[in-house]
Amino acid sequence: MLLKFAYDGTKFYGYQRQKDVPTVEGEILRALNTMGIKNLKSASRTDRGVSALGNVIWIKTNMDGREIIGRLNASLKHIYFHSFADVDTNPRYASMRWYRYHLIDLGYDLERLREAATIFQGEHDFHNFTRARKNTIIEINKIDVKKEGKIIKIDFYARNYLWNLIRRIVAAMEAYSLGKNFGEEIFTIRKNFGIAPPEPLVLMDVEYDFPFKKVEFKKNAKKFFAANFFSKYIYFYLANF
């Protein structure tokens, strides 16, 4: 069974399970252990501070999806399960992963942000934009830039990503929008644009070639998220899911 869930990444020491500190995967596994489920597989492992609306785990169980989601939500804080699919497959094999980075508009040139986005679209060797040291050639299908109020939303669509990739691309896009010029040479000549903060980044959805069944959203689900700036974004999205 696949389960889809949201979480406030600012409340954890990253996604992947670790000893002695709370992580998203670790807290979920702790809750599953109380139901006799000893293992899980994750679709995406987000960096510390990165949140999600639609990450996915696989578990082996004969329980009804609605029942297990209800039990998980009753025992977890800052994590909220909302959909399931009765499919036995490795969640890593997704058809698309959609991330969104939120930029507070500090005078960015929107058109130059869009120009920068076109440089990073397509298949490239992103070894200059990741801490990974192998398998650095991937394809970003699309980067979409739009503004709503004071927030610029940068949407990334790709099957797979690399460690820190989106945050390093966003930092480069910011520099370009503020007057720094570059082109395709950035994939062969290393330039230090820095790395954007993790907190404005959200894994919006992990998509597959089959549908998920949504469990009715409970209006009191806000209690699962602390009342801070970014958690309000998460709740807003969930409330309109």
C-alpha atoms as a PDB file:
ATOM      1  CA  MET A   1       0.000   0.000   0.000  1.00  0.00           C
ATOM      2  CA  LEU A   2       1.121   3.550  -0.761  1.00  0.00           C
ATOM      3  CA  LEU A   3       0.281   6.398   1.627  1.00  0.00           C
ATOM      4  CA  LYS A   4       0.542  10.083   0.738  1.00  0.00           C
ATOM      5  CA  PHE A   5       1.179  12.674   3.423  1.00  0.00           C
ATOM      6  CA  ALA A   6       2.162  16.246   4.319  1.00  0.00           C
ATOM      7  CA  TYR A   7       4.590  17.499   6.946  1.00  0.00           C
ATOM      8  CA  ASP A   8       6.129  20.649   8.352  1.00  0.00           C
ATOM      9  CA  GLY A   9       9.822  20.061   7.751  1.00  0.00           C
ATOM     10  CA  THR A  10      10.843  22.899  10.057  1.00  0.00           C
ATOM     11  CA  LYS A  11       9.912  20.690  13.011  1.00  0.00           C
ATOM     12  CA  PHE A  12      12.325  17.844  12.241  1.00  0.00           C
ATOM     13  CA  TYR A  13      16.029  17.132  11.824  1.00  0.00           C
ATOM     14  CA  GLY A  14      15.501  16.189   8.205  1.00  0.00           C
ATOM     15  CA  TYR A  15      13.519  13.398   6.618  1.00  0.00           C
ATOM     16  CA  GLN A  16      15.700  10.290   6.838  1.00  0.00           C
ATOM     17  CA  ARG A  17      15.634   8.342  10.095  1.00  0.00           C
ATOM     18  CA  GLN A  18      18.459   9.100  12.552  1.00  0.00           C
ATOM     19  CA  LYS A  19      19.355   8.066  16.068  1.00  0.00           C
ATOM     20  CA  ASP A  20      18.433  10.334  18.982  1.00  0.00           C
ATOM     21  CA  VAL A  21      16.749  13.138  16.994  1.00  0.00           C
ATOM     22  CA  PRO A  22      13.212  13.402  15.571  1.00  0.00           C
ATOM     23  CA  THR A  23      12.957  12.993  11.802  1.00  0.00           C
ATOM     24  CA  VAL A  24       9.929  12.640   9.540  1.00  0.00           C
ATOM     25  CA  GLU A  25      10.675   9.052   8.545  1.00  0.00           C
ATOM     26  CA  GLY A  26      11.654   8.110  12.081  1.00  0.00           C
ATOM     27  CA  GLU A  27       8.426   9.443  13.599  1.00  0.00           C
ATOM     28  CA  ILE A  28       6.292   7.689  10.992  1.00  0.00           C
ATOM     29  CA  LEU A  29       8.132   4.410  11.558  1.00  0.00           C
ATOM     30  CA  ARG A  30       7.671   4.763  15.317  1.00  0.00           C
ATOM     31  CA  ALA A  31       3.910   5.126  14.820  1.00  0.00           C
ATOM     32  CA  LEU A  32       3.804   2.208  12.379  1.00  0.00           C
ATOM     33  CA  ASN A  33       5.678  -0.025  14.820  1.00  0.00           C
ATOM     34  CA  THR A  34       2.773   0.267  17.270  1.00  0.00           C
ATOM     35  CA  MET A  35       0.618  -1.364  14.566  1.00  0.00           C
ATOM     36  CA  GLY A  36       3.064  -4.182  13.941  1.00  0.00           C
ATOM     37  CA  ILE A  37       4.498  -2.628  10.760  1.00  0.00           C
ATOM     38  CA  LYS A  38       8.290  -2.721  10.956  1.00  0.00           C
ATOM     39  CA  ASN A  39       9.453  -1.170   7.699  1.00  0.00           C
ATOM     40  CA  LEU A  40       8.654   1.419   5.056  1.00  0.00           C
ATOM     41  CA  LYS A  41      10.042   2.733   1.784  1.00  0.00           C
ATOM     42  CA  SER A  42       9.981   6.436   0.931  1.00  0.00           C
ATOM     43  CA  ALA A  43       9.462   8.143  -2.418  1.00  0.00           C
ATOM     44  CA  SER A  44      11.578  11.197  -1.569  1.00  0.00           C
ATOM     45  CA  ARG A  45      13.970  12.171   1.215  1.00  0.00           C
ATOM     46  CA  THR A  46      13.788  15.920   1.653  1.00  0.00           C
ATOM     47  CA  ASP A  47      16.522  18.047   3.243  1.00  0.00           C
ATOM     48  CA  ARG A  48      16.260  19.381   6.772  1.00  0.00           C
ATOM     49  CA  GLY A  49      13.801  22.294   6.821  1.00  0.00           C
ATOM     50  CA  VAL A  50      12.032  21.270   3.594  1.00  0.00           C
ATOM     51  CA  SER A  51       8.298  20.535   3.922  1.00  0.00           C
ATOM     52  CA  ALA A  52       5.900  18.441   1.854  1.00  0.00           C
ATOM     53  CA  LEU A  53       2.279  18.200   0.836  1.00  0.00           C
ATOM     54  CA  GLY A  54       2.489  14.989  -1.176  1.00  0.00           C
ATOM     55  CA  ASN A  55       5.373  12.725  -0.206  1.00  0.00           C
ATOM     56  CA  VAL A  56       4.687   8.978  -0.371  1.00  0.00           C
ATOM     57  CA  ILE A  57       5.648   5.873   1.588  1.00  0.00           C
ATOM     58  CA  TRP A  58       5.108   2.183   0.891  1.00  0.00           C
ATOM     59  CA  ILE A  59       4.144  -0.209   3.662  1.00  0.00           C
ATOM     60  CA  LYS A  60       3.108  -3.861   3.733  1.00  0.00           C
ATOM     61  CA  THR A  61      -0.240  -4.218   5.476  1.00  0.00           C
ATOM     62  CA  ASN A  62      -3.670  -5.811   5.193  1.00  0.00           C
ATOM     63  CA  MET A  63      -5.318  -2.929   7.041  1.00  0.00           C
ATOM     64  CA  ASP A  64      -7.802  -0.637   5.325  1.00  0.00           C
ATOM     65  CA  GLY A  65      -6.175   2.552   4.068  1.00  0.00           C
ATOM     66  CA  ARG A  66      -8.615   4.831   5.867  1.00  0.00           C
ATOM     67  CA  GLU A  67      -8.109   3.019   9.135  1.00  0.00           C
ATOM     68  CA  ILE A  68      -4.337   3.179   9.043  1.00  0.00           C
ATOM     69  CA  ILE A  69      -4.385   6.863   8.041  1.00  0.00           C
ATOM     70  CA  GLY A  70      -6.723   7.610  10.938  1.00  0.00           C
ATOM     71  CA  ARG A  71      -4.446   5.842  13.400  1.00  0.00           C
ATOM     72  CA  LEU A  72      -1.335   7.534  12.052  1.00  0.00           C
ATOM     73  CA  ASN A  73      -2.863  11.010  12.192  1.00  0.00           C
ATOM     74  CA  ALA A  74      -4.013  10.394  15.773  1.00  0.00           C
ATOM     75  CA  SER A  75      -0.474   9.664  16.936  1.00  0.00           C
ATOM     76  CA  LEU A  76       1.684  12.048  14.878  1.00  0.00           C
ATOM     77  CA  LYS A  77       2.427  15.761  15.216  1.00  0.00           C
ATOM     78  CA  HIS A  78       3.367  18.028  12.290  1.00  0.00           C
ATOM     79  CA  ILE A  79       2.666  15.104   9.901  1.00  0.00           C
ATOM     80  CA  TYR A  80      -0.702  14.532   8.198  1.00  0.00           C
ATOM     81  CA  PHE A  81      -1.669  11.586   5.978  1.00  0.00           C
ATOM     82  CA  HIS A  82      -4.434  12.269   3.461  1.00  0.00           C
ATOM     83  CA  SER A  83      -4.452   9.723   0.587  1.00  0.00           C
ATOM     84  CA  PHE A  84      -3.718   6.083  -0.191  1.00  0.00           C
ATOM     85  CA  ALA A  85      -3.453   3.642  -3.092  1.00  0.00           C
ATOM     86  CA  ASP A  86      -3.815  -0.144  -2.813  1.00  0.00           C
ATOM     87  CA  VAL A  87      -0.774  -0.701  -5.008  1.00  0.00           C
ATOM     88  CA  ASP A  88       2.289  -2.781  -4.208  1.00  0.00           C
ATOM     89  CA  THR A  89       5.169  -0.941  -5.864  1.00  0.00           C
ATOM     90  CA  ASN A  90       8.393   0.790  -4.920  1.00  0.00           C
ATOM     91  CA  PRO A  91       7.437   4.457  -4.313  1.00  0.00           C
ATOM     92  CA  ARG A  92      10.737   5.621  -5.800  1.00  0.00           C
ATOM     93  CA  TYR A  93       9.406   4.764  -9.282  1.00  0.00           C
ATOM     94  CA  ALA A  94       7.265   7.867  -9.659  1.00  0.00           C
ATOM     95  CA  SER A  95       6.336   9.432 -12.988  1.00  0.00           C
ATOM     96  CA  MET A  96       6.891  13.010 -11.766  1.00  0.00           C
ATOM     97  CA  ARG A  97       7.960  14.959  -8.685  1.00  0.00           C
ATOM     98  CA  TRP A  98       6.703  18.517  -8.272  1.00  0.00           C
ATOM     99  CA  TYR A  99       8.518  20.946  -5.975  1.00  0.00           C
ATOM    100  CA  ARG A 100       7.645  24.573  -5.300  1.00  0.00           C
ATOM    101  CA  TYR A 101      10.008  27.242  -3.984  1.00  0.00           C
ATOM    102  CA  HIS A 102       8.422  30.348  -2.433  1.00  0.00           C
ATOM    103  CA  LEU A 103      10.328  33.617  -2.862  1.00  0.00           C
ATOM    104  CA  ILE A 104       9.227  36.762  -1.086  1.00  0.00           C
ATOM    105  CA  ASP A 105       9.453  39.424  -3.793  1.00  0.00           C
ATOM    106  CA  LEU A 106      12.341  41.708  -2.853  1.00  0.00           C
ATOM    107  CA  GLY A 107      12.447  43.454  -6.203  1.00  0.00           C
ATOM    108  CA  TYR A 108      13.268  40.519  -8.453  1.00  0.00           C
ATOM    109  CA  ASP A 109      12.928  40.951 -12.212  1.00  0.00           C
ATOM    110  CA  LEU A 110      10.216  38.406 -13.016  1.00  0.00           C
ATOM    111  CA  GLU A 111      11.102  38.159 -16.694  1.00  0.00           C
ATOM    112  CA  ARG A 112      14.770  37.520 -15.901  1.00  0.00           C
ATOM    113  CA  LEU A 113      13.715  34.818 -13.442  1.00  0.00           C
ATOM    114  CA  ARG A 114      11.830  33.182 -16.302  1.00  0.00           C
ATOM    115  CA  GLU A 115      14.818  33.551 -18.618  1.00  0.00           C
ATOM    116  CA  ALA A 116      17.012  31.855 -16.021  1.00  0.00           C
ATOM    117  CA  ALA A 117      14.466  29.048 -15.707  1.00  0.00           C
ATOM    118  CA  THR A 118      14.829  28.200 -19.411  1.00  0.00           C
ATOM    119  CA  ILE A 119      18.582  27.697 -18.950  1.00  0.00           C
ATOM    120  CA  PHE A 120      18.006  24.944 -16.394  1.00  0.00           C
ATOM    121  CA  GLN A 121      15.177  23.176 -18.205  1.00  0.00           C
ATOM    122  CA  GLY A 122      15.976  20.029 -20.144  1.00  0.00           C
ATOM    123  CA  GLU A 123      18.704  17.430 -19.674  1.00  0.00           C
ATOM    124  CA  HIS A 124      22.009  18.664 -18.249  1.00  0.00           C
ATOM    125  CA  ASP A 125      24.930  17.504 -16.167  1.00  0.00           C
ATOM    126  CA  PHE A 126      24.166  19.305 -12.898  1.00  0.00           C
ATOM    127  CA  HIS A 127      27.402  18.391 -11.109  1.00  0.00           C
ATOM    128  CA  ASN A 128      28.011  22.120 -10.426  1.00  0.00           C
ATOM    129  CA  PHE A 129      24.646  22.380  -8.635  1.00  0.00           C
ATOM    130  CA  THR A 130      24.680  19.422  -6.278  1.00  0.00           C
ATOM    131  CA  ARG A 131      26.707  17.774  -3.550  1.00  0.00           C
ATOM    132  CA  ALA A 132      26.219  14.462  -5.336  1.00  0.00           C
ATOM    133  CA  ARG A 133      29.310  13.130  -7.099  1.00  0.00           C
ATOM    134  CA  LYS A 134      27.828  10.540  -9.463  1.00  0.00           C
ATOM    135  CA  ASN A 135      24.804  10.139 -11.753  1.00  0.00           C
ATOM    136  CA  THR A 136      24.505  13.924 -12.033  1.00  0.00           C
ATOM    137  CA  ILE A 137      22.881  13.966 -15.488  1.00  0.00           C
ATOM    138  CA  ILE A 138      19.118  14.407 -15.112  1.00  0.00           C
ATOM    139  CA  GLU A 139      16.254  16.073 -16.961  1.00  0.00           C
ATOM    140  CA  ILE A 140      14.138  18.873 -15.521  1.00  0.00           C
ATOM    141  CA  ASN A 141      10.962  18.794 -17.585  1.00  0.00           C
ATOM    142  CA  LYS A 142       9.739  22.266 -16.676  1.00  0.00           C
ATOM    143  CA  ILE A 143      10.398  25.246 -14.391  1.00  0.00           C
ATOM    144  CA  ASP A 144       7.441  27.611 -14.098  1.00  0.00           C
ATOM    145  CA  VAL A 145       7.646  31.072 -12.495  1.00  0.00           C
ATOM    146  CA  LYS A 146       4.570  33.013 -11.395  1.00  0.00           C
ATOM    147  CA  LYS A 147       3.782  35.754  -8.899  1.00  0.00           C
ATOM    148  CA  GLU A 148       0.828  35.906  -6.511  1.00  0.00           C
ATOM    149  CA  GLY A 149       0.777  38.957  -4.273  1.00  0.00           C
ATOM    150  CA  LYS A 150       4.182  39.311  -2.632  1.00  0.00           C
ATOM    151  CA  ILE A 151       5.112  35.670  -3.261  1.00  0.00           C
ATOM    152  CA  ILE A 152       6.944  34.382  -6.343  1.00  0.00           C
ATOM    153  CA  LYS A 153       6.299  30.673  -6.839  1.00  0.00           C
ATOM    154  CA  ILE A 154       8.914  28.674  -8.733  1.00  0.00           C
ATOM    155  CA  ASP A 155       7.596  25.224  -9.695  1.00  0.00           C
ATOM    156  CA  PHE A 156       9.972  22.413 -10.674  1.00  0.00           C
ATOM    157  CA  TYR A 157       8.808  19.273 -12.496  1.00  0.00           C
ATOM    158  CA  ALA A 158      11.100  16.262 -12.934  1.00  0.00           C
ATOM    159  CA  ARG A 159      11.128  12.532 -12.290  1.00  0.00           C
ATOM    160  CA  ASN A 160      14.262  12.747 -10.147  1.00  0.00           C
ATOM    161  CA  TYR A 161      16.425  15.343  -8.454  1.00  0.00           C
ATOM    162  CA  LEU A 162      19.865  15.629  -6.908  1.00  0.00           C
ATOM    163  CA  TRP A 163      21.010  16.598  -3.424  1.00  0.00           C
ATOM    164  CA  ASN A 164      20.482  20.387  -2.885  1.00  0.00           C
ATOM    165  CA  LEU A 165      19.768  20.824  -6.621  1.00  0.00           C
ATOM    166  CA  ILE A 166      16.646  23.000  -6.446  1.00  0.00           C
ATOM    167  CA  ARG A 167      18.015  25.304  -3.749  1.00  0.00           C
ATOM    168  CA  ARG A 168      21.235  25.882  -5.723  1.00  0.00           C
ATOM    169  CA  ILE A 169      19.290  26.543  -8.924  1.00  0.00           C
ATOM    170  CA  VAL A 170      17.033  29.023  -7.107  1.00  0.00           C
ATOM    171  CA  ALA A 171      20.101  30.863  -5.789  1.00  0.00           C
ATOM    172  CA  ALA A 172      21.442  31.103  -9.358  1.00  0.00           C
ATOM    173  CA  MET A 173      18.065  32.298 -10.648  1.00  0.00           C
ATOM    174  CA  GLU A 174      17.972  34.995  -7.972  1.00  0.00           C
ATOM    175  CA  ALA A 175      21.432  36.196  -9.006  1.00  0.00           C
ATOM    176  CA  TYR A 176      20.408  36.265 -12.668  1.00  0.00           C
ATOM    177  CA  SER A 177      17.228  38.230 -11.916  1.00  0.00           C
ATOM    178  CA  LEU A 178      19.326  40.827 -10.069  1.00  0.00           C
ATOM    179  CA  GLY A 179      21.673  41.372 -13.028  1.00  0.00           C
ATOM    180  CA  LYS A 180      24.175  38.485 -13.037  1.00  0.00           C
ATOM    181  CA  ASN A 181      24.503  37.169 -16.596  1.00  0.00           C
ATOM    182  CA  PHE A 182      25.283  33.567 -17.521  1.00  0.00           C
ATOM    183  CA  GLY A 183      24.292  30.917 -20.027  1.00  0.00           C
ATOM    184  CA  GLU A 184      24.974  27.258 -20.778  1.00  0.00           C
ATOM    185  CA  GLU A 185      28.585  27.663 -19.635  1.00  0.00           C
ATOM    186  CA  ILE A 186      27.475  27.360 -16.002  1.00  0.00           C
ATOM    187  CA  PHE A 187      27.202  23.611 -16.510  1.00  0.00           C
ATOM    188  CA  THR A 188      30.905  23.337 -17.301  1.00  0.00           C
ATOM    189  CA  ILE A 189      32.435  26.285 -15.444  1.00  0.00           C
ATOM    190  CA  ARG A 190      31.813  26.297 -11.706  1.00  0.00           C
ATOM    191  CA  LYS A 191      30.363  29.537 -10.328  1.00  0.00           C
ATOM    192  CA  ASN A 192      29.390  29.961  -6.705  1.00  0.00           C
ATOM    193  CA  PHE A 193      25.839  31.266  -6.405  1.00  0.00           C
ATOM    194  CA  GLY A 194      25.376  29.901  -2.894  1.00  0.00           C
ATOM    195  CA  ILE A 195      22.317  27.942  -1.792  1.00  0.00           C
ATOM    196  CA  ALA A 196      18.793  29.179  -1.044  1.00  0.00           C
ATOM    197  CA  PRO A 197      17.298  28.487   2.415  1.00  0.00           C
ATOM    198  CA  PRO A 198      15.383  25.193   2.782  1.00  0.00           C
ATOM    199  CA  GLU A 199      12.288  26.464   4.610  1.00  0.00           C
ATOM    200  CA  PRO A 200      10.495  27.980   1.554  1.00  0.00           C
ATOM    201  CA  LEU A 201      10.784  24.707  -0.395  1.00  0.00           C
ATOM    202  CA  VAL A 202       7.838  22.290  -0.522  1.00  0.00           C
ATOM    203  CA  LEU A 203       7.501  18.887  -2.152  1.00  0.00           C
ATOM    204  CA  MET A 204       4.042  19.529  -3.579  1.00  0.00           C
ATOM    205  CA  ASP A 205       3.337  16.081  -5.018  1.00  0.00           C
ATOM    206  CA  VAL A 206       4.796  12.765  -6.098  1.00  0.00           C
ATOM    207  CA  GLU A 207       2.798  11.560  -9.109  1.00  0.00           C
ATOM    208  CA  TYR A 208       2.197   8.050 -10.444  1.00  0.00           C
ATOM    209  CA  ASP A 209       0.343   6.472 -13.335  1.00  0.00           C
ATOM    210  CA  PHE A 210      -2.535   5.506 -11.042  1.00  0.00           C
ATOM    211  CA  PRO A 211      -4.834   7.530  -8.757  1.00  0.00           C
ATOM    212  CA  PHE A 212      -4.823   7.863  -4.978  1.00  0.00           C
ATOM    213  CA  LYS A 213      -7.964   7.779  -2.862  1.00  0.00           C
ATOM    214  CA  LYS A 214      -8.339  10.883  -0.711  1.00  0.00           C
ATOM    215  CA  VAL A 215      -9.436  10.574   2.881  1.00  0.00           C
ATOM    216  CA  GLU A 216     -11.845  13.326   3.895  1.00  0.00           C
ATOM    217  CA  PHE A 217      -9.918  16.345   5.140  1.00  0.00           C
ATOM    218  CA  LYS A 218     -10.696  17.186   8.747  1.00  0.00           C
ATOM    219  CA  LYS A 219     -11.066  20.878   9.462  1.00  0.00           C
ATOM    220  CA  ASN A 220      -9.315  20.507  12.815  1.00  0.00           C
ATOM    221  CA  ALA A 221      -6.206  19.176  11.105  1.00  0.00           C
ATOM    222  CA  LYS A 222      -4.554  22.526  11.750  1.00  0.00           C
ATOM    223  CA  LYS A 223      -3.678  21.248  15.220  1.00  0.00           C
ATOM    224  CA  PHE A 224      -1.088  18.996  13.593  1.00  0.00           C
ATOM    225  CA  PHE A 225       0.917  22.046  12.515  1.00  0.00           C
ATOM    226  CA  ALA A 226       2.459  24.730  14.702  1.00  0.00           C
ATOM    227  CA  ALA A 227       1.339  28.309  14.126  1.00  0.00           C
ATOM    228  CA  ASN A 228       4.436  29.621  12.370  1.00  0.00           C
ATOM    229  CA  PHE A 229       4.839  31.380   9.034  1.00  0.00           C
ATOM    230  CA  PHE A 230       5.463  28.346   6.885  1.00  0.00           C
ATOM    231  CA  SER A 231       3.031  25.993   8.579  1.00  0.00           C
ATOM    232  CA  LYS A 232       0.271  28.429   7.642  1.00  0.00           C
ATOM    233  CA  TYR A 233       1.196  27.855   4.000  1.00  0.00           C
ATOM    234  CA  ILE A 234       0.947  24.111   4.453  1.00  0.00           C
ATOM    235  CA  TYR A 235      -2.447  24.343   6.107  1.00  0.00           C
ATOM    236  CA  PHE A 236      -3.712  26.707   3.420  1.00  0.00           C
ATOM    237  CA  TYR A 237      -2.775  24.206   0.712  1.00  0.00           C
ATOM    238  CA  LEU A 238      -4.281  21.290   2.609  1.00  0.00           C
ATOM    239  CA  ALA A 239      -7.498  23.157   3.272  1.00  0.00           C
ATOM    240  CA  ASN A 240      -7.891  23.642  -0.472  1.00  0.00           C
ATOM    241  CA  PHE A 241      -6.688  20.154  -1.425  1.00  0.00           C
END
